[in-house]
Amino acid sequence: MDAQTEELRHAHDVLADWYAERLAGLLESMPIERAMLDLFSELTLAAGRGAEVADVGCGTGRLMPYLASRGLSPRGVDLSPGMIEVARRDHPAFPFEVADLRDLPFPDASLAGVVCWYSLIFLTPPTRAVAFAELARVLQPGGYLVTAFKDGDGQHRRGGRSAGLGVEFDSYWLPAREMLDLAAGAGLDLVFHGSRPPEESEICPQGYLLFRNA
């Protein structure tokens, strides 16, 4: 594992309980995010390819109950063992495992859908095409990928300081155009593209993309 990935993993190990506390119940106050997950769930089930989906970069597992309530059978993977430990503790009904989104532990064409909720913002420039190809690999033909991301200027940023826990990590707020190009390069077809303006302490717009595997 390279130093940058190790730093990211360690930081999120430290931040796991901090995230669990601050993100608990947040989805209930975010109708746009729920609408995106609803659309993803409805299209995934309508495709008739099963209900098995993965939340890639699941963090504390906070989306699992919502996805299950929409009829899906979700499982979670995350780079951080600390995040997975918290996810298993807080959501014991669901399967979780440690994995890198650039090397997923799923067979080819094995999933009806994939969720990447703010997990693609950590990809360095050389790894982005690899990651999108890996996401396409595990999706069934006709399967769906939904992602939420910070629609920014693509510049490198350091995150983590605001938690006050002594950790930092790299992130990249990619513009929607680059996300669309990466997905197209992996053979993913755009179904929906939306965004909303920044709210309260947010610095940039929030982007939402839904793709279908060719």
N, C-alpha and C. Protein backbone atom coordinates (compact mmCIF):
# COMPACT_ATOMS: atom_id res chain seq x y z
N MET A 1 0.85 -1.19 0.00
CA MET A 1 0.00 0.00 0.00
C MET A 1 0.88 1.24 0.00
N ASP A 2 0.59 2.20 -0.89
CA ASP A 2 1.39 3.41 -0.96
C ASP A 2 1.12 4.31 0.24
N ALA A 3 2.01 5.27 0.45
CA ALA A 3 1.93 6.12 1.64
C ALA A 3 0.66 6.94 1.68
N GLN A 4 0.21 7.43 0.53
CA GLN A 4 -1.00 8.24 0.49
C GLN A 4 -2.23 7.43 0.90
N THR A 5 -2.32 6.20 0.40
CA THR A 5 -3.43 5.33 0.77
C THR A 5 -3.37 4.95 2.24
N GLU A 6 -2.18 4.69 2.73
CA GLU A 6 -2.02 4.36 4.15
C GLU A 6 -2.43 5.53 5.03
N GLU A 7 -2.08 6.74 4.63
CA GLU A 7 -2.49 7.91 5.40
C GLU A 7 -4.01 8.03 5.41
N LEU A 8 -4.65 7.83 4.26
CA LEU A 8 -6.11 7.91 4.16
C LEU A 8 -6.76 6.87 5.05
N ARG A 9 -6.26 5.66 5.01
CA ARG A 9 -6.82 4.58 5.83
C ARG A 9 -6.68 4.90 7.32
N HIS A 10 -5.48 5.30 7.72
CA HIS A 10 -5.26 5.60 9.14
C HIS A 10 -6.15 6.75 9.61
N ALA A 11 -6.25 7.79 8.80
CA ALA A 11 -7.07 8.93 9.19
C ALA A 11 -8.52 8.52 9.42
N HIS A 12 -9.04 7.68 8.55
CA HIS A 12 -10.44 7.27 8.70
C HIS A 12 -10.63 6.24 9.81
N ASP A 13 -9.60 5.51 10.13
CA ASP A 13 -9.66 4.69 11.34
C ASP A 13 -9.89 5.59 12.56
N VAL A 14 -9.12 6.67 12.63
CA VAL A 14 -9.23 7.60 13.75
C VAL A 14 -10.58 8.33 13.74
N LEU A 15 -11.08 8.63 12.56
CA LEU A 15 -12.30 9.43 12.43
C LEU A 15 -13.59 8.62 12.50
N ALA A 16 -13.51 7.31 12.58
CA ALA A 16 -14.70 6.47 12.43
C ALA A 16 -15.80 6.82 13.43
N ASP A 17 -15.49 6.89 14.70
CA ASP A 17 -16.52 7.22 15.69
C ASP A 17 -16.99 8.66 15.55
N TRP A 18 -16.09 9.55 15.17
CA TRP A 18 -16.45 10.95 14.95
C TRP A 18 -17.48 11.06 13.83
N TYR A 19 -17.26 10.34 12.74
CA TYR A 19 -18.23 10.33 11.64
C TYR A 19 -19.55 9.70 12.06
N ALA A 20 -19.47 8.59 12.79
CA ALA A 20 -20.69 7.90 13.20
C ALA A 20 -21.59 8.81 14.02
N GLU A 21 -20.99 9.60 14.90
CA GLU A 21 -21.76 10.50 15.75
C GLU A 21 -22.38 11.63 14.94
N ARG A 22 -21.61 12.22 14.02
CA ARG A 22 -22.08 13.41 13.31
C ARG A 22 -22.99 13.11 12.13
N LEU A 23 -22.87 11.92 11.57
CA LEU A 23 -23.69 11.60 10.41
C LEU A 23 -24.95 10.82 10.75
N ALA A 24 -25.09 10.42 12.00
CA ALA A 24 -26.27 9.65 12.41
C ALA A 24 -27.54 10.45 12.13
N GLY A 25 -28.45 9.87 11.39
CA GLY A 25 -29.72 10.51 11.11
C GLY A 25 -29.69 11.62 10.08
N LEU A 26 -28.51 11.90 9.52
CA LEU A 26 -28.39 13.02 8.58
C LEU A 26 -29.21 12.80 7.32
N LEU A 27 -29.27 11.58 6.84
CA LEU A 27 -29.98 11.31 5.59
C LEU A 27 -31.45 11.71 5.67
N GLU A 28 -32.04 11.61 6.85
CA GLU A 28 -33.45 11.95 7.01
C GLU A 28 -33.72 13.43 6.72
N SER A 29 -32.70 14.27 6.84
CA SER A 29 -32.87 15.70 6.59
C SER A 29 -32.39 16.12 5.21
N MET A 30 -32.13 15.15 4.32
CA MET A 30 -31.59 15.46 3.00
C MET A 30 -32.46 14.83 1.92
N PRO A 31 -33.54 15.50 1.54
CA PRO A 31 -34.48 14.90 0.57
C PRO A 31 -33.87 14.67 -0.81
N ILE A 32 -32.92 15.51 -1.23
CA ILE A 32 -32.32 15.30 -2.55
C ILE A 32 -31.50 14.02 -2.57
N GLU A 33 -30.74 13.79 -1.52
CA GLU A 33 -29.94 12.56 -1.45
C GLU A 33 -30.85 11.33 -1.38
N ARG A 34 -31.92 11.43 -0.62
CA ARG A 34 -32.86 10.31 -0.56
C ARG A 34 -33.49 10.06 -1.94
N ALA A 35 -33.81 11.13 -2.64
CA ALA A 35 -34.40 10.99 -3.97
C ALA A 35 -33.46 10.28 -4.93
N MET A 36 -32.17 10.61 -4.85
CA MET A 36 -31.19 9.93 -5.71
C MET A 36 -31.10 8.45 -5.37
N LEU A 37 -31.08 8.13 -4.09
CA LEU A 37 -31.03 6.72 -3.69
C LEU A 37 -32.32 6.00 -4.05
N ASP A 38 -33.44 6.70 -3.99
CA ASP A 38 -34.71 6.11 -4.39
C ASP A 38 -34.71 5.79 -5.88
N LEU A 39 -34.24 6.73 -6.69
CA LEU A 39 -34.19 6.51 -8.13
C LEU A 39 -33.28 5.33 -8.46
N PHE A 40 -32.11 5.31 -7.84
CA PHE A 40 -31.18 4.18 -8.03
C PHE A 40 -31.85 2.86 -7.65
N SER A 41 -32.52 2.83 -6.52
CA SER A 41 -33.14 1.59 -6.04
C SER A 41 -34.25 1.13 -6.98
N GLU A 42 -35.09 2.07 -7.40
CA GLU A 42 -36.21 1.71 -8.28
C GLU A 42 -35.71 1.18 -9.62
N LEU A 43 -34.73 1.84 -10.21
CA LEU A 43 -34.21 1.39 -11.50
C LEU A 43 -33.48 0.06 -11.37
N THR A 44 -32.75 -0.11 -10.28
CA THR A 44 -32.03 -1.37 -10.08
C THR A 44 -33.00 -2.54 -9.98
N LEU A 45 -34.05 -2.39 -9.20
CA LEU A 45 -35.02 -3.47 -9.06
C LEU A 45 -35.81 -3.70 -10.34
N ALA A 46 -36.13 -2.61 -11.04
CA ALA A 46 -36.90 -2.73 -12.28
C ALA A 46 -36.12 -3.44 -13.37
N ALA A 47 -34.79 -3.38 -13.30
CA ALA A 47 -33.97 -4.04 -14.31
C ALA A 47 -34.08 -5.56 -14.23
N GLY A 48 -34.57 -6.07 -13.10
CA GLY A 48 -34.80 -7.51 -12.97
C GLY A 48 -33.54 -8.35 -12.89
N ARG A 49 -32.47 -7.77 -12.39
CA ARG A 49 -31.20 -8.49 -12.30
C ARG A 49 -30.82 -8.79 -10.86
N GLY A 50 -31.81 -8.76 -9.98
CA GLY A 50 -31.57 -9.05 -8.57
C GLY A 50 -31.47 -7.78 -7.75
N ALA A 51 -31.24 -7.98 -6.45
CA ALA A 51 -31.23 -6.85 -5.52
C ALA A 51 -29.88 -6.68 -4.84
N GLU A 52 -28.87 -7.45 -5.26
CA GLU A 52 -27.57 -7.38 -4.61
C GLU A 52 -26.81 -6.13 -5.04
N VAL A 53 -26.53 -5.27 -4.08
CA VAL A 53 -25.79 -4.05 -4.36
C VAL A 53 -24.68 -3.88 -3.33
N ALA A 54 -23.71 -3.06 -3.66
CA ALA A 54 -22.62 -2.77 -2.75
C ALA A 54 -22.49 -1.27 -2.56
N ASP A 55 -22.28 -0.87 -1.31
CA ASP A 55 -21.92 0.51 -1.00
C ASP A 55 -20.39 0.52 -0.90
N VAL A 56 -19.75 1.07 -1.91
CA VAL A 56 -18.29 1.04 -2.02
C VAL A 56 -17.74 2.33 -1.42
N GLY A 57 -17.00 2.16 -0.32
CA GLY A 57 -16.62 3.31 0.49
C GLY A 57 -17.75 3.62 1.46
N CYS A 58 -18.24 2.58 2.12
CA CYS A 58 -19.46 2.67 2.93
C CYS A 58 -19.27 3.44 4.23
N GLY A 59 -18.02 3.66 4.64
CA GLY A 59 -17.80 4.36 5.90
C GLY A 59 -18.45 3.64 7.06
N THR A 60 -19.26 4.35 7.82
CA THR A 60 -19.90 3.79 9.00
C THR A 60 -21.13 2.94 8.69
N GLY A 61 -21.43 2.77 7.42
CA GLY A 61 -22.56 1.93 7.02
C GLY A 61 -23.91 2.61 7.13
N ARG A 62 -23.92 3.92 7.19
CA ARG A 62 -25.15 4.65 7.48
C ARG A 62 -26.23 4.52 6.40
N LEU A 63 -25.84 4.18 5.16
CA LEU A 63 -26.83 4.05 4.09
C LEU A 63 -27.50 2.67 4.05
N MET A 64 -26.94 1.71 4.76
CA MET A 64 -27.44 0.33 4.67
C MET A 64 -28.93 0.21 5.00
N PRO A 65 -29.39 0.71 6.14
CA PRO A 65 -30.81 0.55 6.44
C PRO A 65 -31.72 1.18 5.40
N TYR A 66 -31.32 2.33 4.86
CA TYR A 66 -32.16 2.99 3.87
C TYR A 66 -32.23 2.17 2.59
N LEU A 67 -31.10 1.68 2.11
CA LEU A 67 -31.09 0.86 0.90
C LEU A 67 -31.93 -0.40 1.09
N ALA A 68 -31.80 -1.02 2.26
CA ALA A 68 -32.60 -2.22 2.54
C ALA A 68 -34.09 -1.89 2.58
N SER A 69 -34.44 -0.72 3.10
CA SER A 69 -35.85 -0.33 3.17
C SER A 69 -36.45 -0.12 1.79
N ARG A 70 -35.60 0.05 0.80
CA ARG A 70 -36.05 0.22 -0.58
C ARG A 70 -36.05 -1.09 -1.36
N GLY A 71 -35.84 -2.20 -0.68
CA GLY A 71 -35.94 -3.51 -1.30
C GLY A 71 -34.63 -4.09 -1.78
N LEU A 72 -33.53 -3.41 -1.54
CA LEU A 72 -32.22 -3.90 -1.98
C LEU A 72 -31.57 -4.75 -0.91
N SER A 73 -30.58 -5.53 -1.32
CA SER A 73 -29.78 -6.35 -0.40
C SER A 73 -28.36 -5.79 -0.42
N PRO A 74 -28.09 -4.82 0.46
CA PRO A 74 -26.79 -4.14 0.39
C PRO A 74 -25.70 -4.81 1.22
N ARG A 75 -24.48 -4.63 0.77
CA ARG A 75 -23.29 -4.99 1.54
C ARG A 75 -22.32 -3.83 1.42
N GLY A 76 -21.42 -3.70 2.38
CA GLY A 76 -20.54 -2.55 2.38
C GLY A 76 -19.08 -2.93 2.37
N VAL A 77 -18.28 -2.13 1.68
CA VAL A 77 -16.83 -2.28 1.72
C VAL A 77 -16.22 -0.90 1.96
N ASP A 78 -15.10 -0.88 2.68
CA ASP A 78 -14.42 0.37 2.93
C ASP A 78 -12.94 0.10 3.12
N LEU A 79 -12.12 1.07 2.77
CA LEU A 79 -10.68 0.96 2.92
C LEU A 79 -10.26 0.89 4.38
N SER A 80 -11.01 1.52 5.25
CA SER A 80 -10.63 1.68 6.65
C SER A 80 -11.17 0.56 7.54
N PRO A 81 -10.29 -0.21 8.19
CA PRO A 81 -10.76 -1.21 9.15
C PRO A 81 -11.55 -0.58 10.30
N GLY A 82 -11.16 0.64 10.70
CA GLY A 82 -11.89 1.31 11.76
C GLY A 82 -13.32 1.63 11.37
N MET A 83 -13.52 2.07 10.14
CA MET A 83 -14.87 2.33 9.65
C MET A 83 -15.69 1.03 9.60
N ILE A 84 -15.07 -0.03 9.14
CA ILE A 84 -15.78 -1.31 9.06
C ILE A 84 -16.14 -1.82 10.45
N GLU A 85 -15.26 -1.62 11.42
CA GLU A 85 -15.57 -2.02 12.79
C GLU A 85 -16.80 -1.27 13.32
N VAL A 86 -16.86 0.02 13.07
CA VAL A 86 -18.01 0.81 13.50
C VAL A 86 -19.27 0.39 12.74
N ALA A 87 -19.13 0.15 11.44
CA ALA A 87 -20.29 -0.27 10.63
C ALA A 87 -20.86 -1.59 11.15
N ARG A 88 -19.99 -2.54 11.47
CA ARG A 88 -20.46 -3.82 12.00
C ARG A 88 -21.12 -3.66 13.36
N ARG A 89 -20.57 -2.76 14.15
CA ARG A 89 -21.14 -2.51 15.48
C ARG A 89 -22.52 -1.87 15.39
N ASP A 90 -22.66 -0.85 14.53
CA ASP A 90 -23.89 -0.09 14.46
C ASP A 90 -24.95 -0.70 13.56
N HIS A 91 -24.53 -1.55 12.61
CA HIS A 91 -25.47 -2.14 11.65
C HIS A 91 -25.17 -3.64 11.49
N PRO A 92 -25.36 -4.41 12.55
CA PRO A 92 -24.96 -5.82 12.54
C PRO A 92 -25.74 -6.71 11.58
N ALA A 93 -26.83 -6.22 11.05
CA ALA A 93 -27.64 -7.04 10.15
C ALA A 93 -27.06 -7.14 8.74
N PHE A 94 -26.02 -6.33 8.46
CA PHE A 94 -25.49 -6.26 7.11
C PHE A 94 -24.04 -6.72 7.05
N PRO A 95 -23.62 -7.30 5.91
CA PRO A 95 -22.23 -7.73 5.75
C PRO A 95 -21.32 -6.58 5.34
N PHE A 96 -20.15 -6.54 5.97
CA PHE A 96 -19.15 -5.53 5.67
C PHE A 96 -17.78 -6.19 5.57
N GLU A 97 -16.90 -5.61 4.74
CA GLU A 97 -15.53 -6.07 4.69
C GLU A 97 -14.61 -4.94 4.25
N VAL A 98 -13.34 -5.10 4.62
CA VAL A 98 -12.33 -4.12 4.25
C VAL A 98 -11.88 -4.39 2.82
N ALA A 99 -11.89 -3.33 1.99
CA ALA A 99 -11.46 -3.48 0.60
C ALA A 99 -11.17 -2.11 0.00
N ASP A 100 -10.33 -2.10 -1.00
CA ASP A 100 -9.98 -0.90 -1.75
C ASP A 100 -10.87 -0.84 -2.98
N LEU A 101 -11.46 0.31 -3.26
CA LEU A 101 -12.38 0.39 -4.42
C LEU A 101 -11.67 0.20 -5.75
N ARG A 102 -10.33 0.24 -5.73
CA ARG A 102 -9.58 -0.02 -6.95
C ARG A 102 -9.31 -1.50 -7.15
N ASP A 103 -9.71 -2.32 -6.17
CA ASP A 103 -9.50 -3.77 -6.23
C ASP A 103 -10.60 -4.43 -5.41
N LEU A 104 -11.79 -4.48 -5.98
CA LEU A 104 -12.97 -4.91 -5.23
C LEU A 104 -13.05 -6.43 -5.11
N PRO A 105 -13.58 -6.92 -3.99
CA PRO A 105 -13.64 -8.37 -3.75
C PRO A 105 -14.89 -9.03 -4.32
N PHE A 106 -15.31 -8.61 -5.50
CA PHE A 106 -16.52 -9.13 -6.12
C PHE A 106 -16.19 -9.71 -7.49
N PRO A 107 -16.82 -10.84 -7.85
CA PRO A 107 -16.61 -11.39 -9.19
C PRO A 107 -17.12 -10.44 -10.28
N ASP A 108 -16.67 -10.69 -11.49
CA ASP A 108 -17.14 -9.91 -12.64
C ASP A 108 -18.66 -10.00 -12.75
N ALA A 109 -19.29 -8.87 -13.05
CA ALA A 109 -20.73 -8.81 -13.34
C ALA A 109 -21.57 -9.48 -12.27
N SER A 110 -21.21 -9.25 -11.01
CA SER A 110 -21.90 -9.92 -9.91
C SER A 110 -22.90 -9.06 -9.16
N LEU A 111 -22.92 -7.75 -9.42
CA LEU A 111 -23.76 -6.85 -8.65
C LEU A 111 -24.81 -6.17 -9.55
N ALA A 112 -26.00 -6.03 -9.00
CA ALA A 112 -27.06 -5.31 -9.72
C ALA A 112 -26.86 -3.81 -9.63
N GLY A 113 -26.14 -3.37 -8.61
CA GLY A 113 -25.91 -1.94 -8.45
C GLY A 113 -24.76 -1.64 -7.52
N VAL A 114 -24.22 -0.44 -7.65
CA VAL A 114 -23.13 0.03 -6.79
C VAL A 114 -23.42 1.47 -6.38
N VAL A 115 -23.20 1.75 -5.10
CA VAL A 115 -23.32 3.10 -4.55
C VAL A 115 -21.93 3.59 -4.18
N CYS A 116 -21.58 4.79 -4.62
CA CYS A 116 -20.32 5.43 -4.22
C CYS A 116 -20.69 6.81 -3.68
N TRP A 117 -20.93 6.89 -2.37
CA TRP A 117 -21.43 8.12 -1.76
C TRP A 117 -20.27 8.89 -1.15
N TYR A 118 -19.77 9.85 -1.91
CA TYR A 118 -18.62 10.66 -1.50
C TYR A 118 -17.37 9.83 -1.27
N SER A 119 -17.24 8.71 -1.94
CA SER A 119 -16.05 7.88 -1.79
C SER A 119 -15.07 8.02 -2.95
N LEU A 120 -15.49 8.66 -4.05
CA LEU A 120 -14.61 8.83 -5.19
C LEU A 120 -13.76 10.10 -5.09
N ILE A 121 -14.01 10.90 -4.07
CA ILE A 121 -13.28 12.17 -3.93
C ILE A 121 -11.85 11.98 -3.44
N PHE A 122 -11.49 10.75 -3.08
CA PHE A 122 -10.14 10.49 -2.58
C PHE A 122 -9.21 9.93 -3.66
N LEU A 123 -9.71 9.75 -4.86
CA LEU A 123 -8.91 9.14 -5.92
C LEU A 123 -7.88 10.11 -6.48
N THR A 124 -6.63 9.69 -6.52
CA THR A 124 -5.58 10.50 -7.13
C THR A 124 -5.71 10.42 -8.66
N PRO A 125 -5.18 11.39 -9.38
CA PRO A 125 -5.33 11.38 -10.84
C PRO A 125 -4.95 10.06 -11.52
N PRO A 126 -3.82 9.40 -11.14
CA PRO A 126 -3.45 8.17 -11.85
C PRO A 126 -4.38 6.99 -11.59
N THR A 127 -5.18 7.06 -10.50
CA THR A 127 -6.00 5.90 -10.13
C THR A 127 -7.46 6.02 -10.55
N ARG A 128 -7.84 7.15 -11.09
CA ARG A 128 -9.27 7.37 -11.35
C ARG A 128 -9.83 6.46 -12.44
N ALA A 129 -9.14 6.34 -13.55
CA ALA A 129 -9.62 5.47 -14.62
C ALA A 129 -9.64 4.01 -14.16
N VAL A 130 -8.65 3.62 -13.38
CA VAL A 130 -8.59 2.26 -12.83
C VAL A 130 -9.81 1.99 -11.96
N ALA A 131 -10.14 2.95 -11.09
CA ALA A 131 -11.26 2.78 -10.18
C ALA A 131 -12.59 2.67 -10.94
N PHE A 132 -12.80 3.52 -11.91
CA PHE A 132 -14.05 3.46 -12.68
C PHE A 132 -14.15 2.15 -13.47
N ALA A 133 -13.04 1.68 -13.99
CA ALA A 133 -13.04 0.40 -14.70
C ALA A 133 -13.40 -0.74 -13.75
N GLU A 134 -12.92 -0.66 -12.51
CA GLU A 134 -13.22 -1.68 -11.52
C GLU A 134 -14.69 -1.66 -11.13
N LEU A 135 -15.25 -0.49 -11.00
CA LEU A 135 -16.68 -0.38 -10.71
C LEU A 135 -17.51 -0.98 -11.84
N ALA A 136 -17.13 -0.68 -13.07
CA ALA A 136 -17.84 -1.25 -14.21
C ALA A 136 -17.68 -2.77 -14.27
N ARG A 137 -16.52 -3.25 -13.88
CA ARG A 137 -16.25 -4.71 -13.93
C ARG A 137 -17.22 -5.50 -13.06
N VAL A 138 -17.50 -5.00 -11.86
CA VAL A 138 -18.32 -5.77 -10.92
C VAL A 138 -19.81 -5.60 -11.19
N LEU A 139 -20.19 -4.62 -12.01
CA LEU A 139 -21.60 -4.41 -12.34
C LEU A 139 -22.06 -5.37 -13.42
N GLN A 140 -23.25 -5.89 -13.27
CA GLN A 140 -23.87 -6.66 -14.34
C GLN A 140 -24.17 -5.74 -15.53
N PRO A 141 -24.25 -6.29 -16.72
CA PRO A 141 -24.76 -5.50 -17.84
C PRO A 141 -26.15 -4.98 -17.50
N GLY A 142 -26.36 -3.70 -17.65
CA GLY A 142 -27.64 -3.11 -17.28
C GLY A 142 -27.73 -2.70 -15.82
N GLY A 143 -26.66 -2.96 -15.03
CA GLY A 143 -26.64 -2.56 -13.63
C GLY A 143 -26.36 -1.07 -13.49
N TYR A 144 -26.65 -0.54 -12.31
CA TYR A 144 -26.57 0.90 -12.09
C TYR A 144 -25.50 1.29 -11.07
N LEU A 145 -24.88 2.43 -11.32
CA LEU A 145 -23.94 3.05 -10.40
C LEU A 145 -24.46 4.44 -10.06
N VAL A 146 -24.57 4.74 -8.77
CA VAL A 146 -24.97 6.08 -8.34
C VAL A 146 -23.86 6.64 -7.46
N THR A 147 -23.57 7.93 -7.66
CA THR A 147 -22.53 8.56 -6.87
C THR A 147 -22.93 9.97 -6.48
N ALA A 148 -22.54 10.36 -5.27
CA ALA A 148 -22.61 11.74 -4.81
C ALA A 148 -21.18 12.21 -4.61
N PHE A 149 -20.93 13.48 -4.95
CA PHE A 149 -19.56 13.98 -4.90
C PHE A 149 -19.56 15.49 -4.73
N LYS A 150 -18.43 16.03 -4.37
CA LYS A 150 -18.26 17.48 -4.28
C LYS A 150 -17.85 18.00 -5.66
N ASP A 151 -18.71 18.78 -6.27
CA ASP A 151 -18.50 19.26 -7.63
C ASP A 151 -17.63 20.52 -7.57
N GLY A 152 -16.31 20.30 -7.59
CA GLY A 152 -15.39 21.41 -7.39
C GLY A 152 -14.52 21.70 -8.58
N ASP A 153 -13.32 22.18 -8.31
CA ASP A 153 -12.42 22.62 -9.36
C ASP A 153 -11.32 21.62 -9.69
N GLY A 154 -11.35 20.46 -9.02
CA GLY A 154 -10.37 19.42 -9.31
C GLY A 154 -9.06 19.57 -8.59
N GLN A 155 -8.89 20.65 -7.82
CA GLN A 155 -7.62 20.88 -7.14
C GLN A 155 -7.46 19.98 -5.92
N HIS A 156 -6.21 19.65 -5.64
CA HIS A 156 -5.88 18.84 -4.47
C HIS A 156 -6.19 19.62 -3.18
N ARG A 157 -6.77 18.94 -2.20
CA ARG A 157 -7.07 19.53 -0.91
C ARG A 157 -6.63 18.60 0.21
N ARG A 158 -6.42 19.20 1.38
CA ARG A 158 -6.14 18.42 2.58
C ARG A 158 -7.36 18.50 3.48
N GLY A 159 -7.86 17.33 3.86
CA GLY A 159 -9.02 17.27 4.74
C GLY A 159 -8.68 16.68 6.08
N GLY A 160 -9.65 16.70 6.99
CA GLY A 160 -9.50 16.06 8.29
C GLY A 160 -9.19 16.99 9.43
N ARG A 161 -8.64 18.16 9.15
CA ARG A 161 -8.21 19.05 10.24
C ARG A 161 -9.38 19.49 11.13
N SER A 162 -10.55 19.70 10.52
CA SER A 162 -11.67 20.26 11.27
C SER A 162 -12.14 19.35 12.40
N ALA A 163 -11.82 18.06 12.33
CA ALA A 163 -12.24 17.14 13.39
C ALA A 163 -11.44 17.34 14.67
N GLY A 164 -10.26 17.95 14.55
CA GLY A 164 -9.43 18.18 15.72
C GLY A 164 -8.85 16.92 16.34
N LEU A 165 -8.67 15.89 15.53
CA LEU A 165 -8.15 14.62 16.03
C LEU A 165 -6.73 14.34 15.55
N GLY A 166 -6.10 15.33 14.95
CA GLY A 166 -4.70 15.21 14.58
C GLY A 166 -4.43 14.40 13.33
N VAL A 167 -5.42 14.28 12.45
CA VAL A 167 -5.20 13.52 11.21
C VAL A 167 -5.56 14.39 10.02
N GLU A 168 -4.93 14.09 8.88
CA GLU A 168 -5.21 14.76 7.62
C GLU A 168 -5.16 13.73 6.50
N PHE A 169 -5.74 14.10 5.35
CA PHE A 169 -5.72 13.21 4.20
C PHE A 169 -5.97 14.04 2.95
N ASP A 170 -5.64 13.46 1.80
CA ASP A 170 -5.83 14.12 0.52
C ASP A 170 -7.23 13.87 -0.03
N SER A 171 -7.79 14.88 -0.66
CA SER A 171 -9.06 14.71 -1.38
C SER A 171 -9.06 15.61 -2.61
N TYR A 172 -9.97 15.31 -3.54
CA TYR A 172 -10.07 16.04 -4.79
C TYR A 172 -11.54 16.24 -5.11
N TRP A 173 -11.94 17.50 -5.24
CA TRP A 173 -13.33 17.79 -5.57
C TRP A 173 -13.42 17.95 -7.08
N LEU A 174 -13.79 16.87 -7.74
CA LEU A 174 -13.74 16.84 -9.21
C LEU A 174 -14.95 17.50 -9.85
N PRO A 175 -14.73 18.24 -10.91
CA PRO A 175 -15.87 18.81 -11.65
C PRO A 175 -16.67 17.69 -12.32
N ALA A 176 -17.95 17.95 -12.49
CA ALA A 176 -18.84 16.94 -13.07
C ALA A 176 -18.34 16.47 -14.43
N ARG A 177 -17.77 17.38 -15.22
CA ARG A 177 -17.30 17.01 -16.56
C ARG A 177 -16.25 15.90 -16.49
N GLU A 178 -15.35 15.98 -15.53
CA GLU A 178 -14.34 14.94 -15.41
C GLU A 178 -14.96 13.63 -14.95
N MET A 179 -15.91 13.70 -14.04
CA MET A 179 -16.60 12.49 -13.59
C MET A 179 -17.31 11.82 -14.76
N LEU A 180 -17.96 12.63 -15.58
CA LEU A 180 -18.67 12.09 -16.75
C LEU A 180 -17.70 11.44 -17.73
N ASP A 181 -16.57 12.06 -17.95
CA ASP A 181 -15.57 11.51 -18.87
C ASP A 181 -15.00 10.19 -18.35
N LEU A 182 -14.73 10.13 -17.06
CA LEU A 182 -14.21 8.90 -16.47
C LEU A 182 -15.22 7.76 -16.60
N ALA A 183 -16.47 8.06 -16.33
CA ALA A 183 -17.51 7.04 -16.44
C ALA A 183 -17.66 6.56 -17.89
N ALA A 184 -17.66 7.49 -18.83
CA ALA A 184 -17.78 7.12 -20.23
C ALA A 184 -16.61 6.25 -20.66
N GLY A 185 -15.42 6.56 -20.16
CA GLY A 185 -14.25 5.76 -20.49
C GLY A 185 -14.34 4.33 -19.98
N ALA A 186 -15.14 4.13 -18.94
CA ALA A 186 -15.33 2.79 -18.38
C ALA A 186 -16.53 2.07 -18.98
N GLY A 187 -17.20 2.71 -19.94
CA GLY A 187 -18.35 2.08 -20.59
C GLY A 187 -19.66 2.28 -19.86
N LEU A 188 -19.74 3.30 -19.02
CA LEU A 188 -20.96 3.58 -18.27
C LEU A 188 -21.74 4.69 -18.96
N ASP A 189 -23.02 4.47 -19.14
CA ASP A 189 -23.88 5.44 -19.82
C ASP A 189 -24.61 6.31 -18.80
N LEU A 190 -24.64 7.61 -19.04
CA LEU A 190 -25.30 8.54 -18.14
C LEU A 190 -26.82 8.37 -18.20
N VAL A 191 -27.43 8.29 -17.02
CA VAL A 191 -28.88 8.23 -16.89
C VAL A 191 -29.42 9.54 -16.31
N PHE A 192 -28.71 10.07 -15.32
CA PHE A 192 -29.17 11.30 -14.66
C PHE A 192 -27.97 12.06 -14.11
N HIS A 193 -28.02 13.38 -14.25
CA HIS A 193 -27.01 14.27 -13.69
C HIS A 193 -27.72 15.42 -13.01
N GLY A 194 -27.45 15.60 -11.72
CA GLY A 194 -28.05 16.71 -10.99
C GLY A 194 -27.05 17.33 -10.02
N SER A 195 -27.40 18.49 -9.51
CA SER A 195 -26.56 19.15 -8.53
C SER A 195 -27.42 20.07 -7.68
N ARG A 196 -26.86 20.49 -6.58
CA ARG A 196 -27.51 21.50 -5.76
C ARG A 196 -26.47 22.50 -5.27
N PRO A 197 -26.89 23.73 -4.98
CA PRO A 197 -25.95 24.74 -4.51
C PRO A 197 -25.40 24.38 -3.13
N PRO A 198 -24.26 24.94 -2.77
CA PRO A 198 -23.74 24.70 -1.42
C PRO A 198 -24.67 25.27 -0.36
N GLU A 199 -24.75 24.57 0.76
CA GLU A 199 -25.59 24.99 1.87
C GLU A 199 -24.73 25.21 3.11
N GLU A 200 -25.10 26.17 3.92
CA GLU A 200 -24.46 26.44 5.20
C GLU A 200 -22.93 26.49 5.06
N SER A 201 -22.23 25.52 5.65
CA SER A 201 -20.76 25.56 5.66
C SER A 201 -20.13 24.94 4.42
N GLU A 202 -20.92 24.44 3.48
CA GLU A 202 -20.37 23.82 2.28
C GLU A 202 -19.70 24.88 1.40
N ILE A 203 -18.63 24.48 0.74
CA ILE A 203 -17.86 25.41 -0.08
C ILE A 203 -18.24 25.32 -1.55
N CYS A 204 -18.61 24.14 -2.01
CA CYS A 204 -18.90 23.93 -3.43
C CYS A 204 -20.23 23.23 -3.61
N PRO A 205 -20.77 23.23 -4.85
CA PRO A 205 -22.00 22.48 -5.12
C PRO A 205 -21.79 20.99 -4.88
N GLN A 206 -22.90 20.30 -4.62
CA GLN A 206 -22.88 18.85 -4.47
C GLN A 206 -23.44 18.24 -5.75
N GLY A 207 -22.71 17.26 -6.31
CA GLY A 207 -23.12 16.64 -7.56
C GLY A 207 -23.67 15.24 -7.36
N TYR A 208 -24.56 14.84 -8.24
CA TYR A 208 -25.18 13.51 -8.19
C TYR A 208 -25.23 12.96 -9.62
N LEU A 209 -24.73 11.75 -9.78
CA LEU A 209 -24.70 11.12 -11.09
C LEU A 209 -25.21 9.69 -10.98
N LEU A 210 -25.98 9.29 -11.97
CA LEU A 210 -26.49 7.93 -12.05
C LEU A 210 -26.11 7.38 -13.43
N PHE A 211 -25.47 6.21 -13.44
CA PHE A 211 -25.02 5.59 -14.68
C PHE A 211 -25.59 4.18 -14.81
N ARG A 212 -25.68 3.73 -16.05
CA ARG A 212 -26.08 2.36 -16.35
C ARG A 212 -24.92 1.68 -17.09
N ASN A 213 -24.59 0.48 -16.67
CA ASN A 213 -23.51 -0.27 -17.31
C ASN A 213 -23.98 -0.76 -18.67
N ALA A 214 -23.18 -0.53 -19.66
CA ALA A 214 -23.57 -0.90 -21.03
C ALA A 214 -23.71 -2.41 -21.19
